[in-house]
Amino acid sequence: MFIVKFRKVFFILSSVVIALSFYAFIVKGFHAGIDFDGGSISEVSYTQRPDVPTIKASLDKAGFIGANIQLAGDSDITVKTVTLTEAQHQNLLTALSLNGALQMQEKQFSSIGPTIGNELRTKSWFAIAMVILGIILFIAYAFRKVTGPISSWKYGLVTMLTLFHDIIVPAGVFVWLGKEVDSLFVVALLSVMGVSVHDTIVVFDRIRENLQHRISNDFATTVGKSLEETFTRSVNTSLTVMLVLAALFFFGPASTKDFSLVLWIGVFVGTYSSIFIASPLLVEIEKHQK
């Protein structure tokens, strides 16, 4: 299959995208949300909601420069700021009402301190690391009886590499877009990992079956045939999910847009890696161990 034949082209493409992602991490850095850096969030509902520039001008005038303003529903807005005292909180409400010119009601106000934010950030990275480790161990065990020429632990190693690929690329896109990284973003990455590893296992399992049936003495040919047999199924399944996520992004509430976007990117990247990276990597490993 052409994927196996031109595997180095796909390796180079992924390497370039990953390099750009790391460049974004270093140069632009993550825009951490209040979940990780600490801060305050206020959600208010208007009888007649003003536009964002009007709200921003009022907040800037009151000293809340750099506040993150998001529309929610037809009449609500969400404002994220640094951690506020009660006096600052009241000043924020005054600014949001344009000094009393608009009728509004605060629906929710909460604050997260920097200590809790650091703890959440640490636990998020720990969760991602534990999921990757669990997946590697599961695949190594599930493919323990695989018929050569690749050892079962190498299937786990390849899966780990593709999972890193699948979380680094969406994260890099989010940094380039200047999107906020919060706990919901981590949940989306964990979901992406689940979808990605599912597609990878489907292809790996077909490779194992074809090795058992000895359809060819050449490992590259066996992998290519396995990809041909699973290609349509993987693409169609992912396209269905991506259509649903696109509908959620364009027609869903504002609070789910970033979540659906990272999932959409992750499903696309995960499908790409399971087809164009994971299995061709097995072929490359087999070539080098001869």
C-alpha atoms as a PDB file:
ATOM      1  CA  MET A   1       0.000   0.000   0.000  1.00  0.00           C
ATOM      2  CA  PHE A   2       1.190   3.549  -0.749  1.00  0.00           C
ATOM      3  CA  ILE A   3       1.161   4.427   2.975  1.00  0.00           C
ATOM      4  CA  VAL A   4       3.866   1.890   3.715  1.00  0.00           C
ATOM      5  CA  LYS A   5       5.794   2.693   0.543  1.00  0.00           C
ATOM      6  CA  PHE A   6       5.894   6.440   1.214  1.00  0.00           C
ATOM      7  CA  ARG A   7       6.024   6.200   5.021  1.00  0.00           C
ATOM      8  CA  LYS A   8       9.052   8.491   5.309  1.00  0.00           C
ATOM      9  CA  VAL A   9       7.057  11.319   3.717  1.00  0.00           C
ATOM     10  CA  PHE A  10       4.441  10.999   6.464  1.00  0.00           C
ATOM     11  CA  PHE A  11       7.160  10.761   9.125  1.00  0.00           C
ATOM     12  CA  ILE A  12       8.693  14.016   7.871  1.00  0.00           C
ATOM     13  CA  LEU A  13       5.290  15.736   7.759  1.00  0.00           C
ATOM     14  CA  SER A  14       4.522  14.752  11.351  1.00  0.00           C
ATOM     15  CA  SER A  15       8.021  15.772  12.471  1.00  0.00           C
ATOM     16  CA  VAL A  16       7.535  19.235  10.973  1.00  0.00           C
ATOM     17  CA  VAL A  17       4.124  19.667  12.653  1.00  0.00           C
ATOM     18  CA  ILE A  18       5.514  18.513  16.018  1.00  0.00           C
ATOM     19  CA  ALA A  19       8.493  20.874  15.651  1.00  0.00           C
ATOM     20  CA  LEU A  20       6.110  23.773  14.971  1.00  0.00           C
ATOM     21  CA  SER A  21       4.104  22.789  18.044  1.00  0.00           C
ATOM     22  CA  PHE A  22       7.199  22.834  20.266  1.00  0.00           C
ATOM     23  CA  TYR A  23       8.200  26.154  18.721  1.00  0.00           C
ATOM     24  CA  ALA A  24       4.811  27.520  19.747  1.00  0.00           C
ATOM     25  CA  PHE A  25       5.239  26.139  23.274  1.00  0.00           C
ATOM     26  CA  ILE A  26       8.618  27.874  23.627  1.00  0.00           C
ATOM     27  CA  VAL A  27       7.862  31.177  21.901  1.00  0.00           C
ATOM     28  CA  LYS A  28       4.215  31.822  22.746  1.00  0.00           C
ATOM     29  CA  GLY A  29       3.698  29.582  25.752  1.00  0.00           C
ATOM     30  CA  PHE A  30       0.457  28.193  27.123  1.00  0.00           C
ATOM     31  CA  HIS A  31      -2.372  30.573  27.950  1.00  0.00           C
ATOM     32  CA  ALA A  32      -3.437  28.835  31.143  1.00  0.00           C
ATOM     33  CA  GLY A  33      -6.977  29.328  32.390  1.00  0.00           C
ATOM     34  CA  ILE A  34      -7.959  30.072  35.964  1.00  0.00           C
ATOM     35  CA  ASP A  35      -8.151  26.326  36.614  1.00  0.00           C
ATOM     36  CA  PHE A  36      -4.339  26.216  36.462  1.00  0.00           C
ATOM     37  CA  ASP A  37      -3.136  29.765  37.181  1.00  0.00           C
ATOM     38  CA  GLY A  38      -5.839  30.803  39.630  1.00  0.00           C
ATOM     39  CA  GLY A  39      -8.276  33.678  39.208  1.00  0.00           C
ATOM     40  CA  SER A  40     -11.926  34.626  39.411  1.00  0.00           C
ATOM     41  CA  ILE A  41     -14.843  33.923  37.117  1.00  0.00           C
ATOM     42  CA  SER A  42     -18.161  35.771  37.082  1.00  0.00           C
ATOM     43  CA  GLU A  43     -21.237  34.895  35.042  1.00  0.00           C
ATOM     44  CA  VAL A  44     -23.930  37.547  34.693  1.00  0.00           C
ATOM     45  CA  SER A  45     -27.242  37.703  32.861  1.00  0.00           C
ATOM     46  CA  TYR A  46     -28.553  40.873  31.194  1.00  0.00           C
ATOM     47  CA  THR A  47     -32.073  41.970  30.396  1.00  0.00           C
ATOM     48  CA  GLN A  48     -30.560  43.453  27.227  1.00  0.00           C
ATOM     49  CA  ARG A  49     -26.981  42.338  26.693  1.00  0.00           C
ATOM     50  CA  PRO A  50     -24.507  44.906  25.288  1.00  0.00           C
ATOM     51  CA  ASP A  51     -21.873  43.946  22.739  1.00  0.00           C
ATOM     52  CA  VAL A  52     -18.394  42.770  23.759  1.00  0.00           C
ATOM     53  CA  PRO A  53     -16.518  46.000  22.799  1.00  0.00           C
ATOM     54  CA  THR A  54     -18.844  48.017  25.059  1.00  0.00           C
ATOM     55  CA  ILE A  55     -18.282  45.649  27.986  1.00  0.00           C
ATOM     56  CA  LYS A  56     -14.526  45.577  27.369  1.00  0.00           C
ATOM     57  CA  ALA A  57     -14.324  49.389  27.298  1.00  0.00           C
ATOM     58  CA  SER A  58     -16.195  49.592  30.608  1.00  0.00           C
ATOM     59  CA  LEU A  59     -13.960  46.969  32.230  1.00  0.00           C
ATOM     60  CA  ASP A  60     -10.774  48.618  30.960  1.00  0.00           C
ATOM     61  CA  LYS A  61     -11.921  51.962  32.341  1.00  0.00           C
ATOM     62  CA  ALA A  62     -12.544  50.333  35.737  1.00  0.00           C
ATOM     63  CA  GLY A  63      -9.044  48.819  35.765  1.00  0.00           C
ATOM     64  CA  PHE A  64      -9.880  45.254  34.698  1.00  0.00           C
ATOM     65  CA  ILE A  65      -7.557  45.354  31.710  1.00  0.00           C
ATOM     66  CA  GLY A  66      -7.038  42.004  30.020  1.00  0.00           C
ATOM     67  CA  ALA A  67     -10.206  40.409  31.378  1.00  0.00           C
ATOM     68  CA  ASN A  68     -11.416  37.480  29.294  1.00  0.00           C
ATOM     69  CA  ILE A  69     -14.989  38.051  28.084  1.00  0.00           C
ATOM     70  CA  GLN A  70     -17.086  35.244  26.606  1.00  0.00           C
ATOM     71  CA  LEU A  71     -20.701  35.290  25.457  1.00  0.00           C
ATOM     72  CA  ALA A  72     -22.937  32.545  26.821  1.00  0.00           C
ATOM     73  CA  GLY A  73     -26.438  31.892  25.534  1.00  0.00           C
ATOM     74  CA  ASP A  74     -28.604  34.769  24.408  1.00  0.00           C
ATOM     75  CA  SER A  75     -28.243  37.072  27.400  1.00  0.00           C
ATOM     76  CA  ASP A  76     -25.300  35.910  29.540  1.00  0.00           C
ATOM     77  CA  ILE A  77     -21.602  36.685  29.587  1.00  0.00           C
ATOM     78  CA  THR A  78     -18.703  35.102  31.449  1.00  0.00           C
ATOM     79  CA  VAL A  79     -15.783  37.233  32.629  1.00  0.00           C
ATOM     80  CA  LYS A  80     -12.481  35.737  33.778  1.00  0.00           C
ATOM     81  CA  THR A  81     -10.007  37.875  35.691  1.00  0.00           C
ATOM     82  CA  VAL A  82      -7.178  37.586  38.183  1.00  0.00           C
ATOM     83  CA  THR A  83      -8.209  36.692  41.730  1.00  0.00           C
ATOM     84  CA  LEU A  84     -10.446  39.463  43.092  1.00  0.00           C
ATOM     85  CA  THR A  85     -11.148  40.709  46.577  1.00  0.00           C
ATOM     86  CA  GLU A  86     -14.773  41.349  47.543  1.00  0.00           C
ATOM     87  CA  ALA A  87     -14.318  45.077  46.931  1.00  0.00           C
ATOM     88  CA  GLN A  88     -12.868  44.400  43.483  1.00  0.00           C
ATOM     89  CA  HIS A  89     -15.697  41.967  42.829  1.00  0.00           C
ATOM     90  CA  GLN A  90     -18.265  44.687  43.498  1.00  0.00           C
ATOM     91  CA  ASN A  91     -16.349  47.092  41.256  1.00  0.00           C
ATOM     92  CA  LEU A  92     -16.434  44.448  38.528  1.00  0.00           C
ATOM     93  CA  LEU A  93     -20.217  44.155  38.800  1.00  0.00           C
ATOM     94  CA  THR A  94     -20.545  47.919  38.613  1.00  0.00           C
ATOM     95  CA  ALA A  95     -18.417  47.999  35.463  1.00  0.00           C
ATOM     96  CA  LEU A  96     -20.412  45.156  33.909  1.00  0.00           C
ATOM     97  CA  SER A  97     -23.642  47.068  34.483  1.00  0.00           C
ATOM     98  CA  LEU A  98     -22.036  50.130  32.835  1.00  0.00           C
ATOM     99  CA  ASN A  99     -22.272  51.979  36.153  1.00  0.00           C
ATOM    100  CA  GLY A 100     -25.884  50.979  36.688  1.00  0.00           C
ATOM    101  CA  ALA A 101     -27.099  51.815  33.179  1.00  0.00           C
ATOM    102  CA  LEU A 102     -28.029  48.187  32.456  1.00  0.00           C
ATOM    103  CA  GLN A 103     -30.127  45.702  34.384  1.00  0.00           C
ATOM    104  CA  MET A 104     -28.222  42.518  35.143  1.00  0.00           C
ATOM    105  CA  GLN A 105     -27.993  39.718  37.643  1.00  0.00           C
ATOM    106  CA  GLU A 106     -24.935  37.768  38.707  1.00  0.00           C
ATOM    107  CA  LYS A 107     -25.604  34.052  38.338  1.00  0.00           C
ATOM    108  CA  GLN A 108     -22.282  32.731  39.561  1.00  0.00           C
ATOM    109  CA  PHE A 109     -18.990  33.917  41.039  1.00  0.00           C
ATOM    110  CA  SER A 110     -16.047  31.732  42.023  1.00  0.00           C
ATOM    111  CA  SER A 111     -12.326  32.066  42.662  1.00  0.00           C
ATOM    112  CA  ILE A 112      -9.452  29.598  42.498  1.00  0.00           C
ATOM    113  CA  GLY A 113      -6.220  30.367  44.318  1.00  0.00           C
ATOM    114  CA  PRO A 114      -2.790  29.789  42.718  1.00  0.00           C
ATOM    115  CA  THR A 115      -2.040  26.884  45.083  1.00  0.00           C
ATOM    116  CA  ILE A 116      -5.140  24.982  43.985  1.00  0.00           C
ATOM    117  CA  GLY A 117      -4.367  25.874  40.376  1.00  0.00           C
ATOM    118  CA  ASN A 118      -0.866  24.397  40.629  1.00  0.00           C
ATOM    119  CA  GLU A 119      -2.297  21.264  42.228  1.00  0.00           C
ATOM    120  CA  LEU A 120      -4.834  20.853  39.412  1.00  0.00           C
ATOM    121  CA  ARG A 121      -2.106  21.335  36.808  1.00  0.00           C
ATOM    122  CA  THR A 122       0.100  18.697  38.442  1.00  0.00           C
ATOM    123  CA  LYS A 123      -2.785  16.240  38.681  1.00  0.00           C
ATOM    124  CA  SER A 124      -3.679  16.843  35.034  1.00  0.00           C
ATOM    125  CA  TRP A 125      -0.188  15.948  33.821  1.00  0.00           C
ATOM    126  CA  PHE A 126      -0.194  12.946  36.167  1.00  0.00           C
ATOM    127  CA  ALA A 127      -3.523  11.778  34.729  1.00  0.00           C
ATOM    128  CA  ILE A 128      -2.201  12.003  31.165  1.00  0.00           C
ATOM    129  CA  ALA A 129       0.994  10.121  32.101  1.00  0.00           C
ATOM    130  CA  MET A 130      -0.959   7.368  33.876  1.00  0.00           C
ATOM    131  CA  VAL A 131      -3.324   6.936  30.932  1.00  0.00           C
ATOM    132  CA  ILE A 132      -0.401   6.598  28.510  1.00  0.00           C
ATOM    133  CA  LEU A 133       1.335   4.094  30.807  1.00  0.00           C
ATOM    134  CA  GLY A 134      -1.867   2.087  31.212  1.00  0.00           C
ATOM    135  CA  ILE A 135      -2.420   1.960  27.454  1.00  0.00           C
ATOM    136  CA  ILE A 136       1.173   0.822  26.817  1.00  0.00           C
ATOM    137  CA  LEU A 137       0.897  -1.986  29.385  1.00  0.00           C
ATOM    138  CA  PHE A 138      -2.481  -3.068  28.008  1.00  0.00           C
ATOM    139  CA  ILE A 139      -1.257  -3.260  24.414  1.00  0.00           C
ATOM    140  CA  ALA A 140       1.930  -5.063  25.422  1.00  0.00           C
ATOM    141  CA  TYR A 141      -0.215  -7.633  27.248  1.00  0.00           C
ATOM    142  CA  ALA A 142      -2.908  -7.896  24.558  1.00  0.00           C
ATOM    143  CA  PHE A 143      -0.312  -8.539  21.832  1.00  0.00           C
ATOM    144  CA  ARG A 144       1.904 -10.825  23.948  1.00  0.00           C
ATOM    145  CA  LYS A 145       1.186 -13.813  21.667  1.00  0.00           C
ATOM    146  CA  VAL A 146       1.688 -11.917  18.423  1.00  0.00           C
ATOM    147  CA  THR A 147       3.508 -13.881  15.741  1.00  0.00           C
ATOM    148  CA  GLY A 148       6.842 -12.137  15.011  1.00  0.00           C
ATOM    149  CA  PRO A 149       8.770 -10.373  13.694  1.00  0.00           C
ATOM    150  CA  ILE A 150       7.914  -7.517  16.118  1.00  0.00           C
ATOM    151  CA  SER A 151       7.856  -8.093  19.888  1.00  0.00           C
ATOM    152  CA  SER A 152       4.684  -7.150  21.760  1.00  0.00           C
ATOM    153  CA  TRP A 153       6.395  -4.401  23.769  1.00  0.00           C
ATOM    154  CA  LYS A 154       7.310  -2.661  20.514  1.00  0.00           C
ATOM    155  CA  TYR A 155       3.614  -2.383  19.662  1.00  0.00           C
ATOM    156  CA  GLY A 156       3.243  -0.600  23.000  1.00  0.00           C
ATOM    157  CA  LEU A 157       6.234   1.636  22.243  1.00  0.00           C
ATOM    158  CA  VAL A 158       4.797   2.656  18.885  1.00  0.00           C
ATOM    159  CA  THR A 159       1.445   3.365  20.521  1.00  0.00           C
ATOM    160  CA  MET A 160       3.145   5.619  23.073  1.00  0.00           C
ATOM    161  CA  LEU A 161       4.881   7.586  20.317  1.00  0.00           C
ATOM    162  CA  THR A 162       1.638   8.079  18.413  1.00  0.00           C
ATOM    163  CA  LEU A 163      -0.169   9.167  21.602  1.00  0.00           C
ATOM    164  CA  PHE A 164       2.478  11.822  22.216  1.00  0.00           C
ATOM    165  CA  HIS A 165       1.960  12.913  18.616  1.00  0.00           C
ATOM    166  CA  ASP A 166      -1.806  13.063  19.147  1.00  0.00           C
ATOM    167  CA  ILE A 167      -1.665  15.313  22.228  1.00  0.00           C
ATOM    168  CA  ILE A 168       1.249  17.530  21.170  1.00  0.00           C
ATOM    169  CA  VAL A 169      -0.286  18.576  17.849  1.00  0.00           C
ATOM    170  CA  PRO A 170      -3.712  19.723  19.223  1.00  0.00           C
ATOM    171  CA  ALA A 171      -1.930  21.483  22.073  1.00  0.00           C
ATOM    172  CA  GLY A 172       0.332  23.234  19.566  1.00  0.00           C
ATOM    173  CA  VAL A 173      -2.646  24.362  17.496  1.00  0.00           C
ATOM    174  CA  PHE A 174      -4.304  25.775  20.599  1.00  0.00           C
ATOM    175  CA  VAL A 175      -1.165  27.705  21.517  1.00  0.00           C
ATOM    176  CA  TRP A 176      -0.905  29.123  17.980  1.00  0.00           C
ATOM    177  CA  LEU A 177      -4.566  30.186  18.162  1.00  0.00           C
ATOM    178  CA  GLY A 178      -4.044  31.773  21.575  1.00  0.00           C
ATOM    179  CA  LYS A 179      -6.727  29.576  23.116  1.00  0.00           C
ATOM    180  CA  GLU A 180      -7.073  29.103  26.845  1.00  0.00           C
ATOM    181  CA  VAL A 181      -5.836  25.824  28.308  1.00  0.00           C
ATOM    182  CA  ASP A 182      -7.914  24.624  31.261  1.00  0.00           C
ATOM    183  CA  SER A 183      -9.168  21.429  32.870  1.00  0.00           C
ATOM    184  CA  LEU A 184     -11.743  20.974  30.082  1.00  0.00           C
ATOM    185  CA  PHE A 185      -8.854  21.017  27.599  1.00  0.00           C
ATOM    186  CA  VAL A 186      -7.197  18.176  29.528  1.00  0.00           C
ATOM    187  CA  VAL A 187     -10.458  16.199  29.454  1.00  0.00           C
ATOM    188  CA  ALA A 188     -10.556  16.695  25.681  1.00  0.00           C
ATOM    189  CA  LEU A 189      -6.961  15.426  25.330  1.00  0.00           C
ATOM    190  CA  LEU A 190      -7.778  12.331  27.373  1.00  0.00           C
ATOM    191  CA  SER A 191     -10.781  11.711  25.114  1.00  0.00           C
ATOM    192  CA  VAL A 192      -8.577  12.147  22.037  1.00  0.00           C
ATOM    193  CA  MET A 193      -6.152   9.564  23.398  1.00  0.00           C
ATOM    194  CA  GLY A 194      -9.002   7.092  23.810  1.00  0.00           C
ATOM    195  CA  VAL A 195     -10.205   7.588  20.232  1.00  0.00           C
ATOM    196  CA  SER A 196      -6.674   7.428  18.837  1.00  0.00           C
ATOM    197  CA  VAL A 197      -5.673   4.246  20.636  1.00  0.00           C
ATOM    198  CA  HIS A 198      -8.931   2.606  19.574  1.00  0.00           C
ATOM    199  CA  ASP A 199      -8.140   3.196  15.898  1.00  0.00           C
ATOM    200  CA  THR A 200      -4.548   2.053  16.408  1.00  0.00           C
ATOM    201  CA  ILE A 201      -5.602  -1.184  18.096  1.00  0.00           C
ATOM    202  CA  VAL A 202      -8.027  -1.963  15.253  1.00  0.00           C
ATOM    203  CA  VAL A 203      -5.177  -1.781  12.727  1.00  0.00           C
ATOM    204  CA  PHE A 204      -2.711  -3.623  14.993  1.00  0.00           C
ATOM    205  CA  ASP A 205      -5.243  -6.397  15.590  1.00  0.00           C
ATOM    206  CA  ARG A 206      -5.707  -6.880  11.854  1.00  0.00           C
ATOM    207  CA  ILE A 207      -1.919  -7.031  11.461  1.00  0.00           C
ATOM    208  CA  ARG A 208      -1.806  -9.731  14.138  1.00  0.00           C
ATOM    209  CA  GLU A 209      -4.528 -11.748  12.386  1.00  0.00           C
ATOM    210  CA  ASN A 210      -2.808 -11.497   9.028  1.00  0.00           C
ATOM    211  CA  LEU A 211       0.498 -12.561  10.592  1.00  0.00           C
ATOM    212  CA  GLN A 212      -1.222 -15.619  12.019  1.00  0.00           C
ATOM    213  CA  HIS A 213      -2.746 -16.406   8.617  1.00  0.00           C
ATOM    214  CA  ARG A 214       0.671 -15.874   6.989  1.00  0.00           C
ATOM    215  CA  ILE A 215      -0.712 -13.945   4.037  1.00  0.00           C
ATOM    216  CA  SER A 216       2.840 -12.930   3.135  1.00  0.00           C
ATOM    217  CA  ASN A 217       6.414 -13.611   4.202  1.00  0.00           C
ATOM    218  CA  ASP A 218       7.147  -9.882   3.904  1.00  0.00           C
ATOM    219  CA  PHE A 219       6.132  -7.901   7.000  1.00  0.00           C
ATOM    220  CA  ALA A 220       5.706  -4.643   5.044  1.00  0.00           C
ATOM    221  CA  THR A 221       3.289  -6.365   2.675  1.00  0.00           C
ATOM    222  CA  THR A 222       1.304  -7.741   5.615  1.00  0.00           C
ATOM    223  CA  VAL A 223       1.056  -4.286   7.194  1.00  0.00           C
ATOM    224  CA  GLY A 224       0.025  -2.729   3.878  1.00  0.00           C
ATOM    225  CA  LYS A 225      -2.704  -5.307   3.389  1.00  0.00           C
ATOM    226  CA  SER A 226      -3.942  -4.762   6.946  1.00  0.00           C
ATOM    227  CA  LEU A 227      -4.151  -1.021   6.337  1.00  0.00           C
ATOM    228  CA  GLU A 228      -6.135  -1.604   3.144  1.00  0.00           C
ATOM    229  CA  GLU A 229      -8.621  -3.750   5.040  1.00  0.00           C
ATOM    230  CA  THR A 230      -9.156  -1.241   7.857  1.00  0.00           C
ATOM    231  CA  PHE A 231      -8.671   2.085   6.061  1.00  0.00           C
ATOM    232  CA  THR A 232     -12.289   2.694   5.039  1.00  0.00           C
ATOM    233  CA  ARG A 233     -13.656   1.681   8.434  1.00  0.00           C
ATOM    234  CA  SER A 234     -11.270   3.987  10.344  1.00  0.00           C
ATOM    235  CA  VAL A 235     -11.887   6.990   8.093  1.00  0.00           C
ATOM    236  CA  ASN A 236     -15.676   6.598   8.032  1.00  0.00           C
ATOM    237  CA  THR A 237     -15.880   6.222  11.818  1.00  0.00           C
ATOM    238  CA  SER A 238     -13.746   9.306  12.403  1.00  0.00           C
ATOM    239  CA  LEU A 239     -15.631  11.387   9.818  1.00  0.00           C
ATOM    240  CA  THR A 240     -18.903  10.596  11.604  1.00  0.00           C
ATOM    241  CA  VAL A 241     -17.480  11.784  14.916  1.00  0.00           C
ATOM    242  CA  MET A 242     -15.975  14.881  13.301  1.00  0.00           C
ATOM    243  CA  LEU A 243     -19.315  15.842  11.748  1.00  0.00           C
ATOM    244  CA  VAL A 244     -20.973  15.704  15.158  1.00  0.00           C
ATOM    245  CA  LEU A 245     -18.176  17.779  16.707  1.00  0.00           C
ATOM    246  CA  ALA A 246     -18.408  20.325  13.870  1.00  0.00           C
ATOM    247  CA  ALA A 247     -22.138  20.683  14.521  1.00  0.00           C
ATOM    248  CA  LEU A 248     -21.424  21.182  18.225  1.00  0.00           C
ATOM    249  CA  PHE A 249     -18.792  23.821  17.412  1.00  0.00           C
ATOM    250  CA  PHE A 250     -20.956  25.850  15.021  1.00  0.00           C
ATOM    251  CA  PHE A 251     -24.365  25.441  16.635  1.00  0.00           C
ATOM    252  CA  GLY A 252     -23.580  24.586  20.253  1.00  0.00           C
ATOM    253  CA  PRO A 253     -23.176  27.007  23.193  1.00  0.00           C
ATOM    254  CA  ALA A 254     -20.078  29.184  23.445  1.00  0.00           C
ATOM    255  CA  SER A 255     -18.887  27.298  26.522  1.00  0.00           C
ATOM    256  CA  THR A 256     -18.328  24.123  24.450  1.00  0.00           C
ATOM    257  CA  LYS A 257     -16.658  25.652  21.384  1.00  0.00           C
ATOM    258  CA  ASP A 258     -13.054  25.228  22.521  1.00  0.00           C
ATOM    259  CA  PHE A 259     -13.813  21.741  23.841  1.00  0.00           C
ATOM    260  CA  SER A 260     -15.368  20.620  20.552  1.00  0.00           C
ATOM    261  CA  LEU A 261     -12.539  22.269  18.571  1.00  0.00           C
ATOM    262  CA  VAL A 262      -9.750  20.405  20.382  1.00  0.00           C
ATOM    263  CA  LEU A 263     -11.715  17.171  20.051  1.00  0.00           C
ATOM    264  CA  TRP A 264     -12.184  17.772  16.314  1.00  0.00           C
ATOM    265  CA  ILE A 265      -8.476  18.436  15.823  1.00  0.00           C
ATOM    266  CA  GLY A 266      -7.577  15.487  18.040  1.00  0.00           C
ATOM    267  CA  VAL A 267      -9.834  13.022  16.218  1.00  0.00           C
ATOM    268  CA  PHE A 268      -8.396  14.153  12.873  1.00  0.00           C
ATOM    269  CA  VAL A 269      -4.799  13.887  14.102  1.00  0.00           C
ATOM    270  CA  GLY A 270      -5.493  10.599  15.904  1.00  0.00           C
ATOM    271  CA  THR A 271      -6.964   9.020  12.779  1.00  0.00           C
ATOM    272  CA  TYR A 272      -4.011  10.264  10.736  1.00  0.00           C
ATOM    273  CA  SER A 273      -1.473   8.871  13.210  1.00  0.00           C
ATOM    274  CA  SER A 274      -3.153   5.469  13.549  1.00  0.00           C
ATOM    275  CA  ILE A 275      -3.087   5.002   9.766  1.00  0.00           C
ATOM    276  CA  PHE A 276      -0.065   6.932   8.523  1.00  0.00           C
ATOM    277  CA  ILE A 277       2.296   6.784  11.521  1.00  0.00           C
ATOM    278  CA  ALA A 278       1.696   3.820  13.865  1.00  0.00           C
ATOM    279  CA  SER A 279       1.698   0.905  11.423  1.00  0.00           C
ATOM    280  CA  PRO A 280       4.433   2.334   9.160  1.00  0.00           C
ATOM    281  CA  LEU A 281       6.563   2.734  12.306  1.00  0.00           C
ATOM    282  CA  LEU A 282       6.250  -1.012  12.878  1.00  0.00           C
ATOM    283  CA  VAL A 283       7.582  -1.566   9.368  1.00  0.00           C
ATOM    284  CA  GLU A 284      10.485   0.808  10.010  1.00  0.00           C
ATOM    285  CA  ILE A 285      11.349  -0.974  13.255  1.00  0.00           C
ATOM    286  CA  GLU A 286      11.233  -4.351  11.503  1.00  0.00           C
ATOM    287  CA  LYS A 287      13.544  -3.053   8.748  1.00  0.00           C
ATOM    288  CA  HIS A 288      16.113  -1.777  11.259  1.00  0.00           C
ATOM    289  CA  GLN A 289      16.191  -4.922  13.398  1.00  0.00           C
ATOM    290  CA  LYS A 290      17.095  -7.169  10.488  1.00  0.00           C
END
